[in-house]
Amino acid sequence: MDDKTIMENLLLTTKGVCDLYLHGTIESATANVNGAFKTALQDSLCLQDDIYKKMSAKGWYPAEQAEQQKIQNVKQKFANA
């Protein structure tokens, strides 16, 4: 398995963990449990960001800039709704 595939798997797994911790935070019944999930979520989001930045720096996660006109079209659509 090459490094890119390993990093993709780490990123996907970390995103899944973030999703679980988010739902745990939302559904927690006590302040202690909520705090534990919030801390775990924040840590996982930081890890996800680190993985993304490393992948992006290597060109393994290219991102495109949205066209300004498309952004304006979406803003108008929702402003008029």
N, C-alpha and C. Protein backbone atom coordinates (compact mmCIF):
# COMPACT_ATOMS: atom_id res chain seq x y z
N MET A 1 0.86 -1.18 0.00
CA MET A 1 0.00 0.00 0.00
C MET A 1 0.90 1.24 0.00
N ASP A 2 0.63 2.18 -0.87
CA ASP A 2 1.45 3.38 -0.96
C ASP A 2 1.01 4.44 0.06
N ASP A 3 1.85 5.46 0.24
CA ASP A 3 1.59 6.50 1.24
C ASP A 3 0.27 7.25 0.98
N LYS A 4 -0.01 7.52 -0.30
CA LYS A 4 -1.24 8.24 -0.62
C LYS A 4 -2.46 7.45 -0.18
N THR A 5 -2.48 6.17 -0.44
CA THR A 5 -3.61 5.33 -0.05
C THR A 5 -3.75 5.28 1.47
N ILE A 6 -2.64 5.18 2.16
CA ILE A 6 -2.66 5.16 3.63
C ILE A 6 -3.25 6.47 4.16
N MET A 7 -2.80 7.59 3.60
CA MET A 7 -3.31 8.89 4.05
C MET A 7 -4.80 9.04 3.73
N GLU A 8 -5.23 8.57 2.55
CA GLU A 8 -6.66 8.62 2.21
C GLU A 8 -7.47 7.81 3.22
N ASN A 9 -6.97 6.64 3.57
CA ASN A 9 -7.68 5.80 4.56
C ASN A 9 -7.71 6.46 5.93
N LEU A 10 -6.61 7.08 6.33
CA LEU A 10 -6.59 7.81 7.60
C LEU A 10 -7.59 8.96 7.60
N LEU A 11 -7.63 9.70 6.50
CA LEU A 11 -8.55 10.83 6.41
C LEU A 11 -10.00 10.36 6.47
N LEU A 12 -10.32 9.32 5.72
CA LEU A 12 -11.70 8.81 5.73
C LEU A 12 -12.09 8.29 7.12
N THR A 13 -11.19 7.59 7.76
CA THR A 13 -11.46 7.07 9.10
C THR A 13 -11.65 8.21 10.09
N THR A 14 -10.79 9.20 10.00
CA THR A 14 -10.88 10.34 10.91
C THR A 14 -12.18 11.11 10.70
N LYS A 15 -12.60 11.26 9.45
CA LYS A 15 -13.88 11.93 9.17
C LYS A 15 -15.03 11.14 9.78
N GLY A 16 -14.97 9.81 9.69
CA GLY A 16 -16.00 8.97 10.30
C GLY A 16 -16.04 9.11 11.80
N VAL A 17 -14.86 9.18 12.41
CA VAL A 17 -14.78 9.37 13.87
C VAL A 17 -15.37 10.72 14.25
N CYS A 18 -15.07 11.76 13.47
CA CYS A 18 -15.64 13.09 13.74
C CYS A 18 -17.17 13.04 13.72
N ASP A 19 -17.71 12.32 12.76
CA ASP A 19 -19.16 12.18 12.65
C ASP A 19 -19.73 11.50 13.90
N LEU A 20 -19.09 10.45 14.36
CA LEU A 20 -19.56 9.75 15.56
C LEU A 20 -19.49 10.64 16.80
N TYR A 21 -18.37 11.36 16.95
CA TYR A 21 -18.23 12.24 18.10
C TYR A 21 -19.22 13.40 18.04
N LEU A 22 -19.51 13.90 16.85
CA LEU A 22 -20.51 14.96 16.72
C LEU A 22 -21.86 14.47 17.23
N HIS A 23 -22.27 13.28 16.78
CA HIS A 23 -23.55 12.76 17.23
C HIS A 23 -23.54 12.46 18.73
N GLY A 24 -22.41 12.00 19.24
CA GLY A 24 -22.30 11.79 20.68
C GLY A 24 -22.45 13.09 21.44
N THR A 25 -21.88 14.15 20.92
CA THR A 25 -22.00 15.47 21.56
C THR A 25 -23.44 15.94 21.55
N ILE A 26 -24.09 15.79 20.43
CA ILE A 26 -25.48 16.25 20.29
C ILE A 26 -26.41 15.45 21.20
N GLU A 27 -26.19 14.15 21.30
CA GLU A 27 -27.11 13.27 22.01
C GLU A 27 -26.77 13.05 23.48
N SER A 28 -25.64 13.56 23.96
CA SER A 28 -25.23 13.28 25.33
C SER A 28 -26.20 13.88 26.33
N ALA A 29 -26.43 13.13 27.40
CA ALA A 29 -27.45 13.51 28.38
C ALA A 29 -26.89 14.29 29.57
N THR A 30 -25.60 14.19 29.81
CA THR A 30 -25.03 14.88 30.97
C THR A 30 -23.88 15.78 30.53
N ALA A 31 -23.57 16.74 31.37
CA ALA A 31 -22.50 17.69 31.06
C ALA A 31 -21.15 16.99 30.95
N ASN A 32 -20.89 16.01 31.80
CA ASN A 32 -19.61 15.30 31.75
C ASN A 32 -19.45 14.53 30.45
N VAL A 33 -20.49 13.83 30.04
CA VAL A 33 -20.43 13.07 28.79
C VAL A 33 -20.32 14.03 27.61
N ASN A 34 -21.09 15.11 27.65
CA ASN A 34 -21.03 16.11 26.59
C ASN A 34 -19.63 16.68 26.48
N GLY A 35 -19.02 17.01 27.60
CA GLY A 35 -17.66 17.56 27.58
C GLY A 35 -16.64 16.58 27.02
N ALA A 36 -16.80 15.31 27.37
CA ALA A 36 -15.87 14.30 26.85
C ALA A 36 -16.00 14.18 25.33
N PHE A 37 -17.24 14.17 24.84
CA PHE A 37 -17.44 14.09 23.39
C PHE A 37 -16.95 15.35 22.69
N LYS A 38 -17.18 16.51 23.28
CA LYS A 38 -16.72 17.76 22.67
C LYS A 38 -15.20 17.79 22.55
N THR A 39 -14.53 17.35 23.61
CA THR A 39 -13.07 17.32 23.58
C THR A 39 -12.57 16.34 22.53
N ALA A 40 -13.17 15.17 22.49
CA ALA A 40 -12.78 14.16 21.50
C ALA A 40 -13.05 14.68 20.08
N LEU A 41 -14.18 15.36 19.89
CA LEU A 41 -14.52 15.91 18.58
C LEU A 41 -13.49 16.95 18.16
N GLN A 42 -13.16 17.86 19.07
CA GLN A 42 -12.19 18.91 18.75
C GLN A 42 -10.84 18.31 18.39
N ASP A 43 -10.39 17.33 19.16
CA ASP A 43 -9.11 16.67 18.88
C ASP A 43 -9.15 15.99 17.51
N SER A 44 -10.25 15.34 17.21
CA SER A 44 -10.39 14.64 15.93
C SER A 44 -10.45 15.61 14.77
N LEU A 45 -11.11 16.75 14.95
CA LEU A 45 -11.15 17.76 13.89
C LEU A 45 -9.75 18.32 13.62
N CYS A 46 -8.97 18.52 14.66
CA CYS A 46 -7.59 18.99 14.48
C CYS A 46 -6.76 17.95 13.74
N LEU A 47 -6.93 16.68 14.08
CA LEU A 47 -6.21 15.61 13.40
C LEU A 47 -6.61 15.55 11.93
N GLN A 48 -7.92 15.66 11.67
CA GLN A 48 -8.41 15.66 10.29
C GLN A 48 -7.79 16.81 9.51
N ASP A 49 -7.71 17.97 10.11
CA ASP A 49 -7.13 19.13 9.44
C ASP A 49 -5.65 18.92 9.14
N ASP A 50 -4.92 18.33 10.09
CA ASP A 50 -3.51 18.04 9.87
C ASP A 50 -3.31 17.07 8.71
N ILE A 51 -4.12 16.02 8.67
CA ILE A 51 -4.02 15.04 7.59
C ILE A 51 -4.32 15.70 6.25
N TYR A 52 -5.40 16.49 6.22
CA TYR A 52 -5.76 17.19 4.98
C TYR A 52 -4.62 18.09 4.51
N LYS A 53 -4.03 18.86 5.42
CA LYS A 53 -2.96 19.78 5.03
C LYS A 53 -1.75 19.04 4.47
N LYS A 54 -1.41 17.90 5.07
CA LYS A 54 -0.29 17.12 4.57
C LYS A 54 -0.59 16.54 3.19
N MET A 55 -1.82 16.06 3.01
CA MET A 55 -2.21 15.53 1.70
C MET A 55 -2.23 16.63 0.65
N SER A 56 -2.75 17.77 1.02
CA SER A 56 -2.83 18.90 0.10
C SER A 56 -1.43 19.37 -0.31
N ALA A 57 -0.52 19.40 0.64
CA ALA A 57 0.85 19.84 0.36
C ALA A 57 1.54 18.91 -0.63
N LYS A 58 1.17 17.63 -0.62
CA LYS A 58 1.76 16.67 -1.54
C LYS A 58 1.00 16.58 -2.85
N GLY A 59 -0.11 17.35 -2.97
CA GLY A 59 -0.91 17.32 -4.18
C GLY A 59 -1.86 16.14 -4.25
N TRP A 60 -2.09 15.49 -3.11
CA TRP A 60 -2.97 14.32 -3.06
C TRP A 60 -4.42 14.67 -2.79
N TYR A 61 -4.70 15.92 -2.52
CA TYR A 61 -6.07 16.37 -2.24
C TYR A 61 -6.24 17.74 -2.87
N PRO A 62 -6.29 17.78 -4.19
CA PRO A 62 -6.40 19.08 -4.85
C PRO A 62 -7.78 19.72 -4.63
N ALA A 63 -7.76 21.00 -4.47
CA ALA A 63 -9.02 21.74 -4.31
C ALA A 63 -9.08 22.83 -5.37
N GLU A 64 -10.28 23.09 -5.86
CA GLU A 64 -10.46 24.12 -6.86
C GLU A 64 -11.17 25.32 -6.24
N GLN A 65 -10.81 26.49 -6.69
CA GLN A 65 -11.48 27.70 -6.26
C GLN A 65 -12.83 27.80 -6.98
N ALA A 66 -13.85 28.15 -6.24
CA ALA A 66 -15.16 28.35 -6.86
C ALA A 66 -15.15 29.67 -7.63
N GLU A 67 -15.83 29.67 -8.75
CA GLU A 67 -15.92 30.90 -9.54
C GLU A 67 -16.78 31.91 -8.79
N GLN A 68 -16.35 33.15 -8.79
CA GLN A 68 -17.04 34.20 -8.06
C GLN A 68 -18.50 34.34 -8.52
N GLN A 69 -18.74 34.19 -9.81
CA GLN A 69 -20.11 34.30 -10.34
C GLN A 69 -21.00 33.21 -9.77
N LYS A 70 -20.48 32.00 -9.64
CA LYS A 70 -21.28 30.91 -9.06
C LYS A 70 -21.61 31.19 -7.59
N ILE A 71 -20.66 31.76 -6.88
CA ILE A 71 -20.89 32.12 -5.48
C ILE A 71 -22.00 33.17 -5.40
N GLN A 72 -21.93 34.18 -6.25
CA GLN A 72 -22.95 35.22 -6.25
C GLN A 72 -24.33 34.65 -6.61
N ASN A 73 -24.37 33.72 -7.56
CA ASN A 73 -25.65 33.10 -7.94
C ASN A 73 -26.28 32.37 -6.77
N VAL A 74 -25.48 31.65 -6.01
CA VAL A 74 -25.99 30.92 -4.85
C VAL A 74 -26.47 31.89 -3.78
N LYS A 75 -25.70 32.96 -3.56
CA LYS A 75 -26.11 33.97 -2.57
C LYS A 75 -27.47 34.58 -2.95
N GLN A 76 -27.64 34.91 -4.22
CA GLN A 76 -28.90 35.50 -4.68
C GLN A 76 -30.04 34.50 -4.54
N LYS A 77 -29.78 33.27 -4.87
CA LYS A 77 -30.82 32.25 -4.78
C LYS A 77 -31.38 32.15 -3.36
N PHE A 78 -30.49 32.13 -2.38
CA PHE A 78 -30.92 31.97 -1.01
C PHE A 78 -31.40 33.29 -0.39
N ALA A 79 -30.93 34.41 -0.91
CA ALA A 79 -31.42 35.70 -0.42
C ALA A 79 -32.85 35.92 -0.85
N ASN A 80 -33.19 35.39 -2.02
CA ASN A 80 -34.55 35.57 -2.55
C ASN A 80 -35.53 34.53 -2.00
N ALA A 81 -35.02 33.50 -1.36
CA ALA A 81 -35.90 32.42 -0.87
C ALA A 81 -36.63 32.79 0.39
